PDB file of N, CA and C in Angstrom:
ATOM      1  N   MET A   1      19.928  31.888  52.355  1.00  0.00           N
ATOM      2  CA  MET A   1      19.915  30.325  52.268  1.00  0.00           C
ATOM      3  C   MET A   1      18.706  29.822  52.667  1.00  0.00           C
ATOM      4  N   LEU A   2      17.894  30.381  53.627  1.00  0.00           N
ATOM      5  CA  LEU A   2      16.618  29.925  53.969  1.00  0.00           C
ATOM      6  C   LEU A   2      15.523  29.931  52.904  1.00  0.00           C
ATOM      7  N   GLU A   3      15.710  31.026  52.055  1.00  0.00           N
ATOM      8  CA  GLU A   3      14.847  30.903  50.863  1.00  0.00           C
ATOM      9  C   GLU A   3      15.187  29.956  49.886  1.00  0.00           C
ATOM     10  N   ALA A   4      16.403  29.710  49.649  1.00  0.00           N
ATOM     11  CA  ALA A   4      16.942  28.701  48.769  1.00  0.00           C
ATOM     12  C   ALA A   4      16.454  27.260  49.238  1.00  0.00           C
ATOM     13  N   ILE A   5      16.539  27.040  50.455  1.00  0.00           N
ATOM     14  CA  ILE A   5      16.220  25.738  50.929  1.00  0.00           C
ATOM     15  C   ILE A   5      14.713  25.488  50.923  1.00  0.00           C
ATOM     16  N   GLU A   6      13.872  26.586  51.277  1.00  0.00           N
ATOM     17  CA  GLU A   6      12.502  26.365  50.902  1.00  0.00           C
ATOM     18  C   GLU A   6      12.100  26.157  49.437  1.00  0.00           C
ATOM     19  N   ARG A   7      12.842  26.932  48.597  1.00  0.00           N
ATOM     20  CA  ARG A   7      12.691  26.715  47.055  1.00  0.00           C
ATOM     21  C   ARG A   7      13.032  25.260  46.682  1.00  0.00           C
ATOM     22  N   ILE A   8      14.088  24.757  47.166  1.00  0.00           N
ATOM     23  CA  ILE A   8      14.405  23.326  46.734  1.00  0.00           C
ATOM     24  C   ILE A   8      13.531  22.455  47.328  1.00  0.00           C
ATOM     25  N   GLU A   9      12.946  22.595  48.555  1.00  0.00           N
ATOM     26  CA  GLU A   9      12.059  21.725  48.990  1.00  0.00           C
ATOM     27  C   GLU A   9      10.758  21.750  48.090  1.00  0.00           C
ATOM     28  N   ARG A  10      10.372  22.914  47.779  1.00  0.00           N
ATOM     29  CA  ARG A  10       9.115  23.009  46.817  1.00  0.00           C
ATOM     30  C   ARG A  10       9.463  22.153  45.469  1.00  0.00           C
ATOM     31  N   MET A  11      10.653  22.445  44.937  1.00  0.00           N
ATOM     32  CA  MET A  11      11.083  21.831  43.629  1.00  0.00           C
ATOM     33  C   MET A  11      11.162  20.291  43.719  1.00  0.00           C
ATOM     34  N   THR A  12      11.619  19.830  44.850  1.00  0.00           N
ATOM     35  CA  THR A  12      11.821  18.345  44.960  1.00  0.00           C
ATOM     36  C   THR A  12      10.599  17.690  45.629  1.00  0.00           C
ATOM     37  N   GLY A  13       9.678  18.445  46.227  1.00  0.00           N
ATOM     38  CA  GLY A  13       8.603  17.858  47.101  1.00  0.00           C
ATOM     39  C   GLY A  13       8.954  17.027  48.320  1.00  0.00           C
ATOM     40  N   ARG A  14      10.292  17.372  48.803  1.00  0.00           N
ATOM     41  CA  ARG A  14      10.920  16.704  49.820  1.00  0.00           C
ATOM     42  C   ARG A  14      11.497  17.822  51.006  1.00  0.00           C
ATOM     43  N   LYS A  15      11.528  17.489  52.170  1.00  0.00           N
ATOM     44  CA  LYS A  15      11.992  18.249  53.253  1.00  0.00           C
ATOM     45  C   LYS A  15      13.383  17.935  53.342  1.00  0.00           C
ATOM     46  N   LEU A  16      14.315  18.969  53.329  1.00  0.00           N
ATOM     47  CA  LEU A  16      15.716  18.795  53.545  1.00  0.00           C
ATOM     48  C   LEU A  16      15.908  18.686  54.950  1.00  0.00           C
ATOM     49  N   ASP A  17      17.041  17.907  55.289  1.00  0.00           N
ATOM     50  CA  ASP A  17      17.448  17.733  56.618  1.00  0.00           C
ATOM     51  C   ASP A  17      18.669  18.766  56.825  1.00  0.00           C
ATOM     52  N   TRP A  18      18.339  19.846  57.622  1.00  0.00           N
ATOM     53  CA  TRP A  18      19.260  20.829  57.733  1.00  0.00           C
ATOM     54  C   TRP A  18      19.170  21.330  59.185  1.00  0.00           C
ATOM     55  N   HIS A  19      20.224  22.035  59.799  1.00  0.00           N
ATOM     56  CA  HIS A  19      20.040  22.852  60.984  1.00  0.00           C
ATOM     57  C   HIS A  19      20.862  24.052  60.808  1.00  0.00           C
ATOM     58  N   TYR A  20      20.546  25.162  61.460  1.00  0.00           N
ATOM     59  CA  TYR A  20      21.126  26.486  61.439  1.00  0.00           C
ATOM     60  C   TYR A  20      22.305  26.599  62.630  1.00  0.00           C
ATOM     61  N   VAL A  21      23.461  27.132  62.103  1.00  0.00           N
ATOM     62  CA  VAL A  21      24.553  27.214  62.951  1.00  0.00           C
ATOM     63  C   VAL A  21      24.946  28.786  62.937  1.00  0.00           C
ATOM     64  N   ASP A  22      24.860  29.442  63.934  1.00  0.00           N
ATOM     65  CA  ASP A  22      25.044  30.849  63.951  1.00  0.00           C
ATOM     66  C   ASP A  22      26.499  31.152  64.195  1.00  0.00           C
ATOM     67  N   GLU A  23      27.433  30.624  63.293  1.00  0.00           N
ATOM     68  CA  GLU A  23      28.726  30.828  63.332  1.00  0.00           C
ATOM     69  C   GLU A  23      29.357  30.681  61.860  1.00  0.00           C
ATOM     70  N   ALA A  24      30.072  31.614  61.436  1.00  0.00           N
ATOM     71  CA  ALA A  24      30.825  31.656  60.134  1.00  0.00           C
ATOM     72  C   ALA A  24      31.579  30.453  59.981  1.00  0.00           C
ATOM     73  N   ARG A  25      31.576  29.739  58.805  1.00  0.00           N
ATOM     74  CA  ARG A  25      32.533  28.729  58.562  1.00  0.00           C
ATOM     75  C   ARG A  25      33.965  29.399  57.893  1.00  0.00           C
ATOM     76  N   LYS A  26      34.995  28.655  58.180  1.00  0.00           N
ATOM     77  CA  LYS A  26      36.252  29.116  57.588  1.00  0.00           C
ATOM     78  C   LYS A  26      36.180  29.286  56.017  1.00  0.00           C
ATOM     79  N   GLY A  27      36.503  30.446  55.572  1.00  0.00           N
ATOM     80  CA  GLY A  27      36.269  30.822  54.251  1.00  0.00           C
ATOM     81  C   GLY A  27      35.009  31.524  53.714  1.00  0.00           C
ATOM     82  N   ASP A  28      33.960  31.545  54.688  1.00  0.00           N
ATOM     83  CA  ASP A  28      32.619  32.256  54.268  1.00  0.00           C
ATOM     84  C   ASP A  28      32.811  33.541  54.129  1.00  0.00           C
ATOM     85  N   HIS A  29      32.031  34.239  53.219  1.00  0.00           N
ATOM     86  CA  HIS A  29      32.253  35.668  52.943  1.00  0.00           C
ATOM     87  C   HIS A  29      31.471  36.298  54.119  1.00  0.00           C
ATOM     88  N   ILE A  30      31.981  37.485  54.492  1.00  0.00           N
ATOM     89  CA  ILE A  30      31.374  38.316  55.468  1.00  0.00           C
ATOM     90  C   ILE A  30      30.121  38.901  55.092  1.00  0.00           C
ATOM     91  N   CYS A  31      30.147  39.486  53.865  1.00  0.00           N
ATOM     92  CA  CYS A  31      29.023  40.068  53.183  1.00  0.00           C
ATOM     93  C   CYS A  31      28.856  39.818  51.690  1.00  0.00           C
ATOM     94  N   TYR A  32      27.731  39.960  51.296  1.00  0.00           N
ATOM     95  CA  TYR A  32      27.401  39.778  49.936  1.00  0.00           C
ATOM     96  C   TYR A  32      26.927  41.152  49.134  1.00  0.00           C
ATOM     97  N   ILE A  33      27.293  41.335  48.155  1.00  0.00           N
ATOM     98  CA  ILE A  33      26.768  42.561  47.389  1.00  0.00           C
ATOM     99  C   ILE A  33      26.028  42.162  46.155  1.00  0.00           C
ATOM    100  N   SER A  34      24.764  42.387  46.219  1.00  0.00           N
ATOM    101  CA  SER A  34      23.790  41.906  45.122  1.00  0.00           C
ATOM    102  C   SER A  34      23.676  42.988  44.056  1.00  0.00           C
ATOM    103  N   ASN A  35      24.058  44.232  44.155  1.00  0.00           N
ATOM    104  CA  ASN A  35      24.003  45.313  43.116  1.00  0.00           C
ATOM    105  C   ASN A  35      25.028  44.981  42.042  1.00  0.00           C
ATOM    106  N   LEU A  36      24.797  44.532  40.866  1.00  0.00           N
ATOM    107  CA  LEU A  36      25.635  44.326  39.907  1.00  0.00           C
ATOM    108  C   LEU A  36      26.068  45.530  39.073  1.00  0.00           C
ATOM    109  N   GLY A  37      25.460  46.630  39.355  1.00  0.00           N
ATOM    110  CA  GLY A  37      25.788  47.849  38.660  1.00  0.00           C
ATOM    111  C   GLY A  37      27.209  48.275  38.372  1.00  0.00           C
ATOM    112  N   LYS A  38      28.037  48.056  39.300  1.00  0.00           N
ATOM    113  CA  LYS A  38      29.563  48.513  39.262  1.00  0.00           C
ATOM    114  C   LYS A  38      30.262  47.486  38.261  1.00  0.00           C
ATOM    115  N   PHE A  39      29.939  46.186  38.503  1.00  0.00           N
ATOM    116  CA  PHE A  39      30.567  45.006  37.711  1.00  0.00           C
ATOM    117  C   PHE A  39      30.017  45.218  36.193  1.00  0.00           C
ATOM    118  N   GLN A  40      28.768  45.554  35.999  1.00  0.00           N
ATOM    119  CA  GLN A  40      28.318  45.574  34.613  1.00  0.00           C
ATOM    120  C   GLN A  40      28.912  46.839  33.945  1.00  0.00           C
ATOM    121  N   SER A  41      29.301  47.897  34.741  1.00  0.00           N
ATOM    122  CA  SER A  41      29.797  49.158  34.068  1.00  0.00           C
ATOM    123  C   SER A  41      31.302  48.801  33.647  1.00  0.00           C
ATOM    124  N   HIS A  42      31.934  47.927  34.419  1.00  0.00           N
ATOM    125  CA  HIS A  42      33.265  47.453  33.901  1.00  0.00           C
ATOM    126  C   HIS A  42      33.196  46.497  32.765  1.00  0.00           C
ATOM    127  N   TYR A  43      32.044  45.684  32.760  1.00  0.00           N
ATOM    128  CA  TYR A  43      31.875  44.524  31.879  1.00  0.00           C
ATOM    129  C   TYR A  43      30.551  44.806  31.176  1.00  0.00           C
ATOM    130  N   PRO A  44      30.396  45.595  30.213  1.00  0.00           N
ATOM    131  CA  PRO A  44      29.021  46.012  29.777  1.00  0.00           C
ATOM    132  C   PRO A  44      28.488  44.866  28.784  1.00  0.00           C
ATOM    133  N   ASN A  45      29.319  44.001  28.327  1.00  0.00           N
ATOM    134  CA  ASN A  45      28.682  42.912  27.461  1.00  0.00           C
ATOM    135  C   ASN A  45      28.405  41.729  28.312  1.00  0.00           C
ATOM    136  N   TRP A  46      28.622  41.704  29.634  1.00  0.00           N
ATOM    137  CA  TRP A  46      28.245  40.517  30.421  1.00  0.00           C
ATOM    138  C   TRP A  46      26.818  40.592  30.771  1.00  0.00           C
ATOM    139  N   LYS A  47      26.115  39.416  30.721  1.00  0.00           N
ATOM    140  CA  LYS A  47      24.734  39.448  31.049  1.00  0.00           C
ATOM    141  C   LYS A  47      24.500  37.979  31.818  1.00  0.00           C
ATOM    142  N   ILE A  48      23.646  38.072  32.733  1.00  0.00           N
ATOM    143  CA  ILE A  48      23.086  36.892  33.458  1.00  0.00           C
ATOM    144  C   ILE A  48      22.455  36.046  32.372  1.00  0.00           C
ATOM    145  N   THR A  49      23.012  34.704  32.208  1.00  0.00           N
ATOM    146  CA  THR A  49      22.428  33.804  31.324  1.00  0.00           C
ATOM    147  C   THR A  49      21.490  32.772  31.887  1.00  0.00           C
ATOM    148  N   ARG A  50      21.604  32.545  33.224  1.00  0.00           N
ATOM    149  CA  ARG A  50      20.831  31.467  33.715  1.00  0.00           C
ATOM    150  C   ARG A  50      20.118  32.048  34.968  1.00  0.00           C
ATOM    151  N   GLY A  51      18.866  31.593  35.159  1.00  0.00           N
ATOM    152  CA  GLY A  51      18.123  31.995  36.389  1.00  0.00           C
ATOM    153  C   GLY A  51      18.325  31.132  37.614  1.00  0.00           C
ATOM    154  N   LEU A  52      17.978  31.592  38.715  1.00  0.00           N
ATOM    155  CA  LEU A  52      18.130  30.709  39.952  1.00  0.00           C
ATOM    156  C   LEU A  52      17.392  29.277  39.905  1.00  0.00           C
ATOM    157  N   ASP A  53      16.277  29.231  39.401  1.00  0.00           N
ATOM    158  CA  ASP A  53      15.598  27.917  39.325  1.00  0.00           C
ATOM    159  C   ASP A  53      16.269  26.978  38.321  1.00  0.00           C
ATOM    160  N   THR A  54      16.852  27.414  37.207  1.00  0.00           N
ATOM    161  CA  THR A  54      17.609  26.632  36.415  1.00  0.00           C
ATOM    162  C   THR A  54      18.861  26.117  37.176  1.00  0.00           C
ATOM    163  N   ILE A  55      19.625  26.974  37.874  1.00  0.00           N
ATOM    164  CA  ILE A  55      20.663  26.583  38.737  1.00  0.00           C
ATOM    165  C   ILE A  55      20.413  25.551  39.748  1.00  0.00           C
ATOM    166  N   LEU A  56      19.314  25.743  40.464  1.00  0.00           N
ATOM    167  CA  LEU A  56      18.944  24.772  41.415  1.00  0.00           C
ATOM    168  C   LEU A  56      18.428  23.436  40.722  1.00  0.00           C
ATOM    169  N   GLU A  57      17.857  23.427  39.632  1.00  0.00           N
ATOM    170  CA  GLU A  57      17.385  22.293  38.895  1.00  0.00           C
ATOM    171  C   GLU A  57      18.776  21.511  38.527  1.00  0.00           C
ATOM    172  N   GLU A  58      19.757  22.198  38.187  1.00  0.00           N
ATOM    173  CA  GLU A  58      21.031  21.455  37.755  1.00  0.00           C
ATOM    174  C   GLU A  58      21.683  20.881  39.135  1.00  0.00           C
ATOM    175  N   ILE A  59      21.603  21.572  40.216  1.00  0.00           N
ATOM    176  CA  ILE A  59      22.048  20.963  41.458  1.00  0.00           C
ATOM    177  C   ILE A  59      21.230  19.795  41.801  1.00  0.00           C
ATOM    178  N   ILE A  60      20.012  19.878  41.782  1.00  0.00           N
ATOM    179  CA  ILE A  60      19.043  18.755  42.206  1.00  0.00           C
ATOM    180  C   ILE A  60      19.360  17.407  41.229  1.00  0.00           C
ATOM    181  N   ALA A  61      19.476  17.682  39.980  1.00  0.00           N
ATOM    182  CA  ALA A  61      19.713  16.660  38.908  1.00  0.00           C
ATOM    183  C   ALA A  61      21.141  16.076  39.380  1.00  0.00           C
ATOM    184  N   SER A  62      22.241  16.910  39.748  1.00  0.00           N
ATOM    185  CA  SER A  62      23.428  16.255  39.885  1.00  0.00           C
ATOM    186  C   SER A  62      23.272  15.389  41.181  1.00  0.00           C
ATOM    187  N   GLN A  63      22.739  15.847  42.204  1.00  0.00           N
ATOM    188  CA  GLN A  63      22.569  15.198  43.475  1.00  0.00           C
ATOM    189  C   GLN A  63      21.694  13.879  43.198  1.00  0.00           C
ATOM    190  N   ARG A  64      20.781  13.840  42.545  1.00  0.00           N
ATOM    191  CA  ARG A  64      20.064  12.613  42.007  1.00  0.00           C
ATOM    192  C   ARG A  64      20.914  11.711  41.280  1.00  0.00           C
ATOM    193  N   ALA A  65      21.661  12.219  40.331  1.00  0.00           N
ATOM    194  CA  ALA A  65      22.559  11.274  39.705  1.00  0.00           C
ATOM    195  C   ALA A  65      23.612  10.623  40.643  1.00  0.00           C
ATOM    196  N   GLN A  66      24.147  11.481  41.417  1.00  0.00           N
ATOM    197  CA  GLN A  66      25.076  10.947  42.416  1.00  0.00           C
ATOM    198  C   GLN A  66      24.643   9.878  43.404  1.00  0.00           C
ATOM    199  N   LEU A  67      23.215  10.089  43.839  1.00  0.00           N
ATOM    200  CA  LEU A  67      22.561   9.076  44.695  1.00  0.00           C
ATOM    201  C   LEU A  67      22.289   7.959  43.783  1.00  0.00           C
ATOM    202  N   ALA A  68      21.853   7.979  42.500  1.00  0.00           N
ATOM    203  CA  ALA A  68      21.592   6.786  41.851  1.00  0.00           C
ATOM    204  C   ALA A  68      22.887   5.940  41.646  1.00  0.00           C
ATOM    205  N   GLN A  69      24.080   6.550  41.511  1.00  0.00           N
ATOM    206  CA  GLN A  69      25.272   5.920  41.345  1.00  0.00           C
ATOM    207  C   GLN A  69      25.646   5.090  42.702  1.00  0.00           C
ATOM    208  N   VAL A  70      25.493   5.749  43.718  1.00  0.00           N
ATOM    209  CA  VAL A  70      25.832   5.154  45.003  1.00  0.00           C
ATOM    210  C   VAL A  70      24.837   3.995  45.233  1.00  0.00           C
ATOM    211  N   THR A  71      23.536   4.205  44.987  1.00  0.00           N
ATOM    212  CA  THR A  71      22.553   3.037  45.231  1.00  0.00           C
ATOM    213  C   THR A  71      22.761   1.872  44.264  1.00  0.00           C
ATOM    214  N   ALA A  72      23.410   2.192  43.070  1.00  0.00           N
ATOM    215  CA  ALA A  72      23.606   1.119  42.091  1.00  0.00           C
ATOM    216  C   ALA A  72      24.770   0.191  42.425  1.00  0.00           C
ATOM    217  N   ARG A  73      25.417   0.571  43.327  1.00  0.00           N
ATOM    218  CA  ARG A  73      26.784  -0.171  43.605  1.00  0.00           C
ATOM    219  C   ARG A  73      26.482  -1.268  44.604  1.00  0.00           C
TER     220      ARG A  73
END
């Protein structure tokens, strides 16, 4: 998360207002598995089609659109 926050701040040129809480939220995953080898062995035709920067750009655009709607009211 810290790396994603830093990346978003670089992409937007703005500091995010956030704080760290050292407590899992209800529904949070206990661990993440980043190795896709087993998944890809079961689904050999599956491929990653969008990179992290593309996904973050979509999130940023969505947030900007929502903010524009709120301020236009």
